[in-house]
Amino acid sequence: MILSHACIYGIQTLVYTAMQGSSAYVSTRRAAVEMGIPFQFISKVMQILSEKKLVISRRGTSGGIMLAREAGEISLLDIIEAIDGLSLFQECILGLPGCGHATPCPLHEEWATEREKLREYFKSTSLADVVAGIRVFSHRISIEEFSDKILHIS
């Protein structure tokens, strides 16, 4: 797995939040239940994303999280950088220290090309793009039950 579980859950939760619209706070507890993700895990990830200014969080009965910017202004790379950092796009895929053009590993040339393609894809893909894929193409973002529910959210 290239992305950590925390990063995957962060992306899923922000997509879920984007699908709810930008006018109200989204309950992280409800999101956790509907996506089948442990609530404590989502809470910790959302705390990180709040510190990185990708979400605004509010406690209380009408609290939850809200995107700090429009969904079209938050790229997948923003989320990945906030949670996992950018090492995926800088380090050797085999974990060898010093891997580079001067002292490459056996996968260096291919990985260098592919990781740059990945970086560009994540940079150019926003939460709004992911939401559009869900609505137009019936893509799913989490467990099947969640996918069925969100297709009916407008």
N, C-alpha and C. Protein backbone atom coordinates (compact mmCIF):
# COMPACT_ATOMS: atom_id res chain seq x y z
N MET A 1 0.85 -1.17 0.00
CA MET A 1 0.00 0.00 0.00
C MET A 1 0.90 1.24 0.00
N ILE A 2 0.68 2.13 -0.92
CA ILE A 2 1.51 3.31 -1.05
C ILE A 2 1.14 4.37 -0.02
N LEU A 3 -0.14 4.58 0.23
CA LEU A 3 -0.60 5.56 1.21
C LEU A 3 -0.92 4.86 2.52
N SER A 4 -0.71 5.55 3.63
CA SER A 4 -1.03 4.99 4.94
C SER A 4 -2.54 4.87 5.11
N HIS A 5 -2.96 4.04 6.06
CA HIS A 5 -4.40 3.93 6.36
C HIS A 5 -4.94 5.30 6.78
N ALA A 6 -4.17 6.04 7.56
CA ALA A 6 -4.61 7.36 8.01
C ALA A 6 -4.88 8.26 6.81
N CYS A 7 -4.00 8.22 5.82
CA CYS A 7 -4.16 9.05 4.63
C CYS A 7 -5.38 8.62 3.82
N ILE A 8 -5.56 7.34 3.65
CA ILE A 8 -6.72 6.84 2.92
C ILE A 8 -8.01 7.25 3.63
N TYR A 9 -8.05 7.08 4.94
CA TYR A 9 -9.23 7.48 5.71
C TYR A 9 -9.46 8.99 5.64
N GLY A 10 -8.37 9.75 5.63
CA GLY A 10 -8.49 11.20 5.51
C GLY A 10 -9.11 11.60 4.18
N ILE A 11 -8.64 10.99 3.11
CA ILE A 11 -9.20 11.28 1.79
C ILE A 11 -10.67 10.87 1.74
N GLN A 12 -10.98 9.68 2.23
CA GLN A 12 -12.37 9.22 2.22
C GLN A 12 -13.27 10.16 3.01
N THR A 13 -12.82 10.59 4.16
CA THR A 13 -13.64 11.46 5.02
C THR A 13 -13.82 12.83 4.39
N LEU A 14 -12.80 13.36 3.74
CA LEU A 14 -12.95 14.67 3.10
C LEU A 14 -13.83 14.57 1.86
N VAL A 15 -13.78 13.47 1.15
CA VAL A 15 -14.69 13.28 0.02
C VAL A 15 -16.13 13.22 0.54
N TYR A 16 -16.33 12.44 1.60
CA TYR A 16 -17.65 12.35 2.23
C TYR A 16 -18.14 13.74 2.63
N THR A 17 -17.26 14.51 3.25
CA THR A 17 -17.60 15.87 3.70
C THR A 17 -17.94 16.76 2.49
N ALA A 18 -17.15 16.66 1.43
CA ALA A 18 -17.41 17.45 0.23
C ALA A 18 -18.77 17.11 -0.37
N MET A 19 -19.17 15.85 -0.29
CA MET A 19 -20.45 15.44 -0.85
C MET A 19 -21.64 15.99 -0.06
N GLN A 20 -21.41 16.35 1.18
CA GLN A 20 -22.50 16.87 2.00
C GLN A 20 -22.78 18.34 1.72
N GLY A 21 -21.90 19.01 0.98
CA GLY A 21 -22.06 20.43 0.71
C GLY A 21 -21.20 21.24 1.65
N SER A 22 -21.11 22.52 1.41
CA SER A 22 -20.18 23.35 2.18
C SER A 22 -20.86 24.24 3.21
N SER A 23 -22.15 24.09 3.41
CA SER A 23 -22.86 25.04 4.27
C SER A 23 -23.03 24.59 5.72
N ALA A 24 -22.73 23.35 6.04
CA ALA A 24 -22.94 22.88 7.41
C ALA A 24 -21.79 21.96 7.84
N TYR A 25 -21.64 21.84 9.14
CA TYR A 25 -20.65 20.92 9.69
C TYR A 25 -21.15 19.49 9.52
N VAL A 26 -20.23 18.60 9.24
CA VAL A 26 -20.54 17.19 9.05
C VAL A 26 -20.07 16.42 10.28
N SER A 27 -20.95 15.62 10.83
CA SER A 27 -20.62 14.83 12.01
C SER A 27 -19.56 13.78 11.68
N THR A 28 -18.45 13.83 12.39
CA THR A 28 -17.41 12.82 12.15
C THR A 28 -17.88 11.46 12.64
N ARG A 29 -18.72 11.44 13.65
CA ARG A 29 -19.26 10.16 14.13
C ARG A 29 -20.13 9.52 13.06
N ARG A 30 -21.00 10.31 12.44
CA ARG A 30 -21.85 9.79 11.36
C ARG A 30 -21.00 9.31 10.19
N ALA A 31 -19.99 10.11 9.83
CA ALA A 31 -19.10 9.73 8.73
C ALA A 31 -18.42 8.40 9.05
N ALA A 32 -17.95 8.25 10.28
CA ALA A 32 -17.26 7.01 10.69
C ALA A 32 -18.19 5.82 10.56
N VAL A 33 -19.40 5.95 11.02
CA VAL A 33 -20.37 4.85 10.97
C VAL A 33 -20.68 4.50 9.52
N GLU A 34 -21.00 5.50 8.72
CA GLU A 34 -21.41 5.24 7.33
C GLU A 34 -20.27 4.70 6.47
N MET A 35 -19.03 5.04 6.82
CA MET A 35 -17.90 4.56 6.02
C MET A 35 -17.23 3.33 6.62
N GLY A 36 -17.65 2.95 7.82
CA GLY A 36 -17.06 1.76 8.43
C GLY A 36 -15.63 1.98 8.91
N ILE A 37 -15.33 3.19 9.35
CA ILE A 37 -14.00 3.55 9.84
C ILE A 37 -14.12 3.82 11.34
N PRO A 38 -13.18 3.34 12.14
CA PRO A 38 -13.24 3.61 13.58
C PRO A 38 -13.28 5.12 13.88
N PHE A 39 -14.22 5.53 14.71
CA PHE A 39 -14.41 6.94 15.03
C PHE A 39 -13.14 7.57 15.61
N GLN A 40 -12.47 6.87 16.53
CA GLN A 40 -11.26 7.43 17.12
C GLN A 40 -10.20 7.70 16.07
N PHE A 41 -10.11 6.83 15.09
CA PHE A 41 -9.13 6.98 14.01
C PHE A 41 -9.45 8.24 13.20
N ILE A 42 -10.72 8.38 12.80
CA ILE A 42 -11.11 9.57 12.04
C ILE A 42 -10.87 10.83 12.85
N SER A 43 -11.16 10.79 14.13
CA SER A 43 -10.96 11.98 14.97
C SER A 43 -9.51 12.43 14.97
N LYS A 44 -8.59 11.47 15.08
CA LYS A 44 -7.17 11.82 15.08
C LYS A 44 -6.73 12.36 13.72
N VAL A 45 -7.21 11.76 12.66
CA VAL A 45 -6.85 12.22 11.31
C VAL A 45 -7.43 13.62 11.07
N MET A 46 -8.66 13.86 11.49
CA MET A 46 -9.27 15.17 11.30
C MET A 46 -8.57 16.24 12.13
N GLN A 47 -8.02 15.85 13.26
CA GLN A 47 -7.24 16.80 14.07
C GLN A 47 -6.00 17.25 13.29
N ILE A 48 -5.34 16.32 12.63
CA ILE A 48 -4.18 16.66 11.80
C ILE A 48 -4.60 17.59 10.66
N LEU A 49 -5.71 17.25 10.00
CA LEU A 49 -6.16 18.06 8.86
C LEU A 49 -6.64 19.44 9.31
N SER A 50 -7.13 19.54 10.53
CA SER A 50 -7.52 20.83 11.09
C SER A 50 -6.27 21.68 11.35
N GLU A 51 -5.24 21.07 11.92
CA GLU A 51 -3.99 21.78 12.17
C GLU A 51 -3.35 22.26 10.87
N LYS A 52 -3.54 21.50 9.79
CA LYS A 52 -2.98 21.86 8.48
C LYS A 52 -3.92 22.77 7.69
N LYS A 53 -5.00 23.20 8.30
CA LYS A 53 -5.95 24.15 7.71
C LYS A 53 -6.69 23.63 6.48
N LEU A 54 -6.93 22.30 6.46
CA LEU A 54 -7.74 21.74 5.38
C LEU A 54 -9.19 21.58 5.80
N VAL A 55 -9.43 21.45 7.10
CA VAL A 55 -10.80 21.41 7.63
C VAL A 55 -10.91 22.36 8.81
N ILE A 56 -12.13 22.74 9.07
CA ILE A 56 -12.46 23.51 10.26
C ILE A 56 -13.27 22.57 11.14
N SER A 57 -12.89 22.46 12.40
CA SER A 57 -13.65 21.56 13.27
C SER A 57 -14.30 22.36 14.39
N ARG A 58 -15.44 21.83 14.83
CA ARG A 58 -16.18 22.46 15.91
C ARG A 58 -16.76 21.37 16.80
N ARG A 59 -16.63 21.56 18.08
CA ARG A 59 -17.16 20.58 19.04
C ARG A 59 -18.62 20.88 19.34
N GLY A 60 -19.27 19.91 19.93
CA GLY A 60 -20.64 20.11 20.37
C GLY A 60 -21.64 19.35 19.52
N THR A 61 -22.91 19.48 19.90
CA THR A 61 -23.96 18.71 19.23
C THR A 61 -24.15 19.12 17.78
N SER A 62 -23.90 20.38 17.45
CA SER A 62 -24.02 20.81 16.05
C SER A 62 -22.65 20.94 15.40
N GLY A 63 -21.67 20.33 16.02
CA GLY A 63 -20.30 20.42 15.52
C GLY A 63 -19.97 19.35 14.51
N GLY A 64 -18.72 19.24 14.26
CA GLY A 64 -18.21 18.28 13.28
C GLY A 64 -17.07 18.92 12.51
N ILE A 65 -17.00 18.60 11.23
CA ILE A 65 -15.96 19.19 10.38
C ILE A 65 -16.59 19.82 9.15
N MET A 66 -15.86 20.77 8.61
CA MET A 66 -16.25 21.45 7.39
C MET A 66 -14.97 21.70 6.60
N LEU A 67 -15.02 21.62 5.29
CA LEU A 67 -13.85 21.92 4.48
C LEU A 67 -13.45 23.38 4.71
N ALA A 68 -12.16 23.64 4.84
CA ALA A 68 -11.68 24.99 5.06
C ALA A 68 -11.69 25.81 3.76
N ARG A 69 -11.68 25.13 2.63
CA ARG A 69 -11.74 25.77 1.31
C ARG A 69 -12.75 25.01 0.47
N GLU A 70 -13.07 25.54 -0.67
CA GLU A 70 -13.95 24.84 -1.60
C GLU A 70 -13.32 23.52 -2.02
N ALA A 71 -14.14 22.52 -2.30
CA ALA A 71 -13.66 21.19 -2.68
C ALA A 71 -12.76 21.23 -3.91
N GLY A 72 -13.00 22.14 -4.81
CA GLY A 72 -12.18 22.27 -6.01
C GLY A 72 -10.81 22.87 -5.74
N GLU A 73 -10.63 23.42 -4.55
CA GLU A 73 -9.36 24.05 -4.18
C GLU A 73 -8.50 23.17 -3.30
N ILE A 74 -8.97 21.98 -2.96
CA ILE A 74 -8.21 21.05 -2.14
C ILE A 74 -7.83 19.85 -2.99
N SER A 75 -6.54 19.70 -3.25
CA SER A 75 -6.08 18.58 -4.07
C SER A 75 -5.81 17.36 -3.20
N LEU A 76 -5.78 16.21 -3.83
CA LEU A 76 -5.42 15.00 -3.11
C LEU A 76 -3.99 15.12 -2.57
N LEU A 77 -3.13 15.83 -3.30
CA LEU A 77 -1.76 16.03 -2.83
C LEU A 77 -1.74 16.86 -1.54
N ASP A 78 -2.64 17.83 -1.41
CA ASP A 78 -2.72 18.60 -0.17
C ASP A 78 -2.98 17.68 1.02
N ILE A 79 -3.89 16.74 0.84
CA ILE A 79 -4.26 15.81 1.91
C ILE A 79 -3.10 14.85 2.19
N ILE A 80 -2.51 14.30 1.15
CA ILE A 80 -1.39 13.37 1.31
C ILE A 80 -0.24 14.05 2.03
N GLU A 81 0.09 15.26 1.61
CA GLU A 81 1.19 16.00 2.24
C GLU A 81 0.90 16.26 3.72
N ALA A 82 -0.34 16.61 4.04
CA ALA A 82 -0.70 16.90 5.42
C ALA A 82 -0.58 15.68 6.33
N ILE A 83 -0.91 14.51 5.82
CA ILE A 83 -0.95 13.31 6.65
C ILE A 83 0.32 12.46 6.54
N ASP A 84 0.73 12.16 5.32
CA ASP A 84 1.88 11.26 5.11
C ASP A 84 3.17 11.99 4.79
N GLY A 85 3.07 13.26 4.40
CA GLY A 85 4.26 13.96 3.93
C GLY A 85 4.51 13.64 2.47
N LEU A 86 5.63 14.11 1.96
CA LEU A 86 5.92 13.95 0.54
C LEU A 86 6.99 12.89 0.25
N SER A 87 7.34 12.10 1.24
CA SER A 87 8.42 11.12 1.05
C SER A 87 8.12 10.14 -0.07
N LEU A 88 6.85 9.82 -0.29
CA LEU A 88 6.47 8.92 -1.38
C LEU A 88 7.03 9.40 -2.71
N PHE A 89 7.11 10.71 -2.87
CA PHE A 89 7.53 11.29 -4.14
C PHE A 89 9.01 11.64 -4.17
N GLN A 90 9.74 11.28 -3.11
CA GLN A 90 11.14 11.66 -3.02
C GLN A 90 12.07 10.49 -2.73
N GLU A 91 11.56 9.42 -2.17
CA GLU A 91 12.43 8.35 -1.70
C GLU A 91 12.42 7.14 -2.64
N CYS A 92 13.41 6.32 -2.45
CA CYS A 92 13.56 5.08 -3.19
C CYS A 92 12.41 4.14 -2.85
N ILE A 93 11.85 3.50 -3.85
CA ILE A 93 10.74 2.57 -3.61
C ILE A 93 11.21 1.34 -2.83
N LEU A 94 12.48 1.01 -2.91
CA LEU A 94 13.03 -0.12 -2.16
C LEU A 94 13.57 0.31 -0.80
N GLY A 95 13.51 1.62 -0.51
CA GLY A 95 13.96 2.12 0.78
C GLY A 95 15.47 2.23 0.92
N LEU A 96 16.18 2.21 -0.20
CA LEU A 96 17.64 2.27 -0.14
C LEU A 96 18.11 3.71 0.04
N PRO A 97 18.91 3.97 1.07
CA PRO A 97 19.43 5.33 1.25
C PRO A 97 20.40 5.68 0.12
N GLY A 98 20.37 6.92 -0.30
CA GLY A 98 21.29 7.38 -1.33
C GLY A 98 20.92 7.00 -2.74
N CYS A 99 19.78 6.38 -2.93
CA CYS A 99 19.36 5.99 -4.28
C CYS A 99 19.13 7.27 -5.09
N GLY A 100 19.66 7.30 -6.27
CA GLY A 100 19.51 8.45 -7.17
C GLY A 100 20.16 8.14 -8.50
N HIS A 101 20.30 9.15 -9.33
CA HIS A 101 20.87 8.93 -10.66
C HIS A 101 22.32 8.44 -10.57
N ALA A 102 23.07 8.90 -9.58
CA ALA A 102 24.47 8.49 -9.45
C ALA A 102 24.60 7.05 -8.93
N THR A 103 23.72 6.68 -8.00
CA THR A 103 23.77 5.32 -7.41
C THR A 103 22.37 4.73 -7.37
N PRO A 104 21.83 4.37 -8.53
CA PRO A 104 20.44 3.92 -8.59
C PRO A 104 20.23 2.49 -8.10
N CYS A 105 19.03 2.24 -7.60
CA CYS A 105 18.61 0.88 -7.30
C CYS A 105 18.09 0.26 -8.61
N PRO A 106 17.78 -1.03 -8.63
CA PRO A 106 17.31 -1.66 -9.87
C PRO A 106 16.00 -1.09 -10.42
N LEU A 107 15.20 -0.43 -9.55
CA LEU A 107 13.91 0.10 -9.98
C LEU A 107 13.91 1.62 -10.14
N HIS A 108 15.07 2.25 -9.94
CA HIS A 108 15.14 3.71 -9.85
C HIS A 108 14.53 4.43 -11.05
N GLU A 109 14.98 4.12 -12.24
CA GLU A 109 14.52 4.87 -13.42
C GLU A 109 13.01 4.77 -13.61
N GLU A 110 12.49 3.56 -13.51
CA GLU A 110 11.04 3.37 -13.69
C GLU A 110 10.26 4.06 -12.57
N TRP A 111 10.74 3.90 -11.33
CA TRP A 111 10.03 4.50 -10.20
C TRP A 111 10.08 6.02 -10.25
N ALA A 112 11.21 6.59 -10.63
CA ALA A 112 11.32 8.04 -10.71
C ALA A 112 10.28 8.60 -11.68
N THR A 113 10.09 7.93 -12.79
CA THR A 113 9.10 8.36 -13.77
C THR A 113 7.68 8.19 -13.23
N GLU A 114 7.41 7.05 -12.64
CA GLU A 114 6.05 6.77 -12.14
C GLU A 114 5.69 7.63 -10.94
N ARG A 115 6.64 7.86 -10.03
CA ARG A 115 6.30 8.69 -8.86
C ARG A 115 6.02 10.12 -9.27
N GLU A 116 6.67 10.61 -10.34
CA GLU A 116 6.37 11.96 -10.81
C GLU A 116 4.97 12.00 -11.45
N LYS A 117 4.60 10.95 -12.15
CA LYS A 117 3.24 10.87 -12.71
C LYS A 117 2.20 10.84 -11.58
N LEU A 118 2.50 10.05 -10.54
CA LEU A 118 1.60 9.99 -9.38
C LEU A 118 1.46 11.34 -8.72
N ARG A 119 2.58 12.00 -8.50
CA ARG A 119 2.57 13.33 -7.86
C ARG A 119 1.71 14.29 -8.67
N GLU A 120 1.89 14.31 -9.97
CA GLU A 120 1.13 15.20 -10.82
C GLU A 120 -0.37 14.85 -10.79
N TYR A 121 -0.69 13.57 -10.79
CA TYR A 121 -2.09 13.14 -10.71
C TYR A 121 -2.73 13.63 -9.41
N PHE A 122 -2.05 13.39 -8.29
CA PHE A 122 -2.59 13.82 -7.00
C PHE A 122 -2.68 15.34 -6.90
N LYS A 123 -1.74 16.03 -7.52
CA LYS A 123 -1.75 17.50 -7.50
C LYS A 123 -2.90 18.05 -8.33
N SER A 124 -3.18 17.42 -9.46
CA SER A 124 -4.20 17.94 -10.37
C SER A 124 -5.61 17.41 -10.09
N THR A 125 -5.75 16.51 -9.13
CA THR A 125 -7.06 15.95 -8.81
C THR A 125 -7.57 16.54 -7.50
N SER A 126 -8.69 17.22 -7.57
CA SER A 126 -9.27 17.85 -6.38
C SER A 126 -10.36 16.98 -5.77
N LEU A 127 -10.78 17.36 -4.58
CA LEU A 127 -11.92 16.67 -3.96
C LEU A 127 -13.15 16.78 -4.85
N ALA A 128 -13.33 17.92 -5.49
CA ALA A 128 -14.48 18.10 -6.39
C ALA A 128 -14.42 17.11 -7.56
N ASP A 129 -13.21 16.83 -8.06
CA ASP A 129 -13.06 15.86 -9.14
C ASP A 129 -13.48 14.46 -8.67
N VAL A 130 -13.10 14.11 -7.45
CA VAL A 130 -13.46 12.79 -6.91
C VAL A 130 -14.97 12.70 -6.72
N VAL A 131 -15.55 13.76 -6.17
CA VAL A 131 -17.00 13.78 -5.97
C VAL A 131 -17.72 13.65 -7.32
N ALA A 132 -17.22 14.32 -8.34
CA ALA A 132 -17.83 14.22 -9.67
C ALA A 132 -17.76 12.78 -10.18
N GLY A 133 -16.65 12.10 -9.93
CA GLY A 133 -16.53 10.70 -10.33
C GLY A 133 -17.53 9.81 -9.64
N ILE A 134 -17.81 10.12 -8.40
CA ILE A 134 -18.80 9.35 -7.65
C ILE A 134 -20.19 9.59 -8.22
N ARG A 135 -20.51 10.84 -8.46
CA ARG A 135 -21.86 11.18 -8.93
C ARG A 135 -22.10 10.78 -10.37
N VAL A 136 -21.13 10.96 -11.23
CA VAL A 136 -21.32 10.70 -12.66
C VAL A 136 -21.10 9.23 -13.01
N PHE A 137 -20.05 8.65 -12.45
CA PHE A 137 -19.67 7.30 -12.85
C PHE A 137 -20.01 6.24 -11.81
N SER A 138 -20.66 6.63 -10.73
CA SER A 138 -21.01 5.71 -9.65
C SER A 138 -19.78 5.04 -9.03
N HIS A 139 -18.65 5.76 -9.03
CA HIS A 139 -17.48 5.24 -8.34
C HIS A 139 -17.79 5.17 -6.85
N ARG A 140 -17.07 4.32 -6.16
CA ARG A 140 -17.28 4.26 -4.71
C ARG A 140 -16.01 4.73 -4.01
N ILE A 141 -16.18 5.24 -2.79
CA ILE A 141 -15.06 5.77 -2.03
C ILE A 141 -14.80 4.94 -0.78
N SER A 142 -15.72 4.11 -0.41
CA SER A 142 -15.56 3.32 0.81
C SER A 142 -16.30 2.01 0.64
N ILE A 143 -16.75 1.46 1.76
CA ILE A 143 -17.45 0.19 1.70
C ILE A 143 -18.73 0.31 0.87
N GLU A 144 -19.19 -0.78 0.33
CA GLU A 144 -20.32 -0.78 -0.61
C GLU A 144 -21.57 -0.10 -0.03
N GLU A 145 -21.88 -0.33 1.25
CA GLU A 145 -23.08 0.26 1.83
C GLU A 145 -23.01 1.79 1.78
N PHE A 146 -21.84 2.36 2.06
CA PHE A 146 -21.66 3.80 2.02
C PHE A 146 -21.86 4.30 0.60
N SER A 147 -21.30 3.60 -0.36
CA SER A 147 -21.40 4.00 -1.76
C SER A 147 -22.86 4.11 -2.18
N ASP A 148 -23.68 3.15 -1.77
CA ASP A 148 -25.09 3.20 -2.13
C ASP A 148 -25.79 4.41 -1.52
N LYS A 149 -25.44 4.77 -0.29
CA LYS A 149 -26.07 5.91 0.38
C LYS A 149 -25.69 7.24 -0.24
N ILE A 150 -24.40 7.42 -0.58
CA ILE A 150 -23.98 8.74 -1.03
C ILE A 150 -24.44 9.06 -2.44
N LEU A 151 -24.77 8.07 -3.22
CA LEU A 151 -25.24 8.35 -4.56
C LEU A 151 -26.57 9.10 -4.53
N HIS A 152 -27.27 9.05 -3.42
CA HIS A 152 -28.57 9.71 -3.31
C HIS A 152 -28.49 11.06 -2.61
N ILE A 153 -27.30 11.46 -2.21
CA ILE A 153 -27.13 12.77 -1.57
C ILE A 153 -26.97 13.81 -2.65
N SER A 154 -27.67 14.91 -2.53
CA SER A 154 -27.55 15.94 -3.56
C SER A 154 -26.81 17.15 -3.06
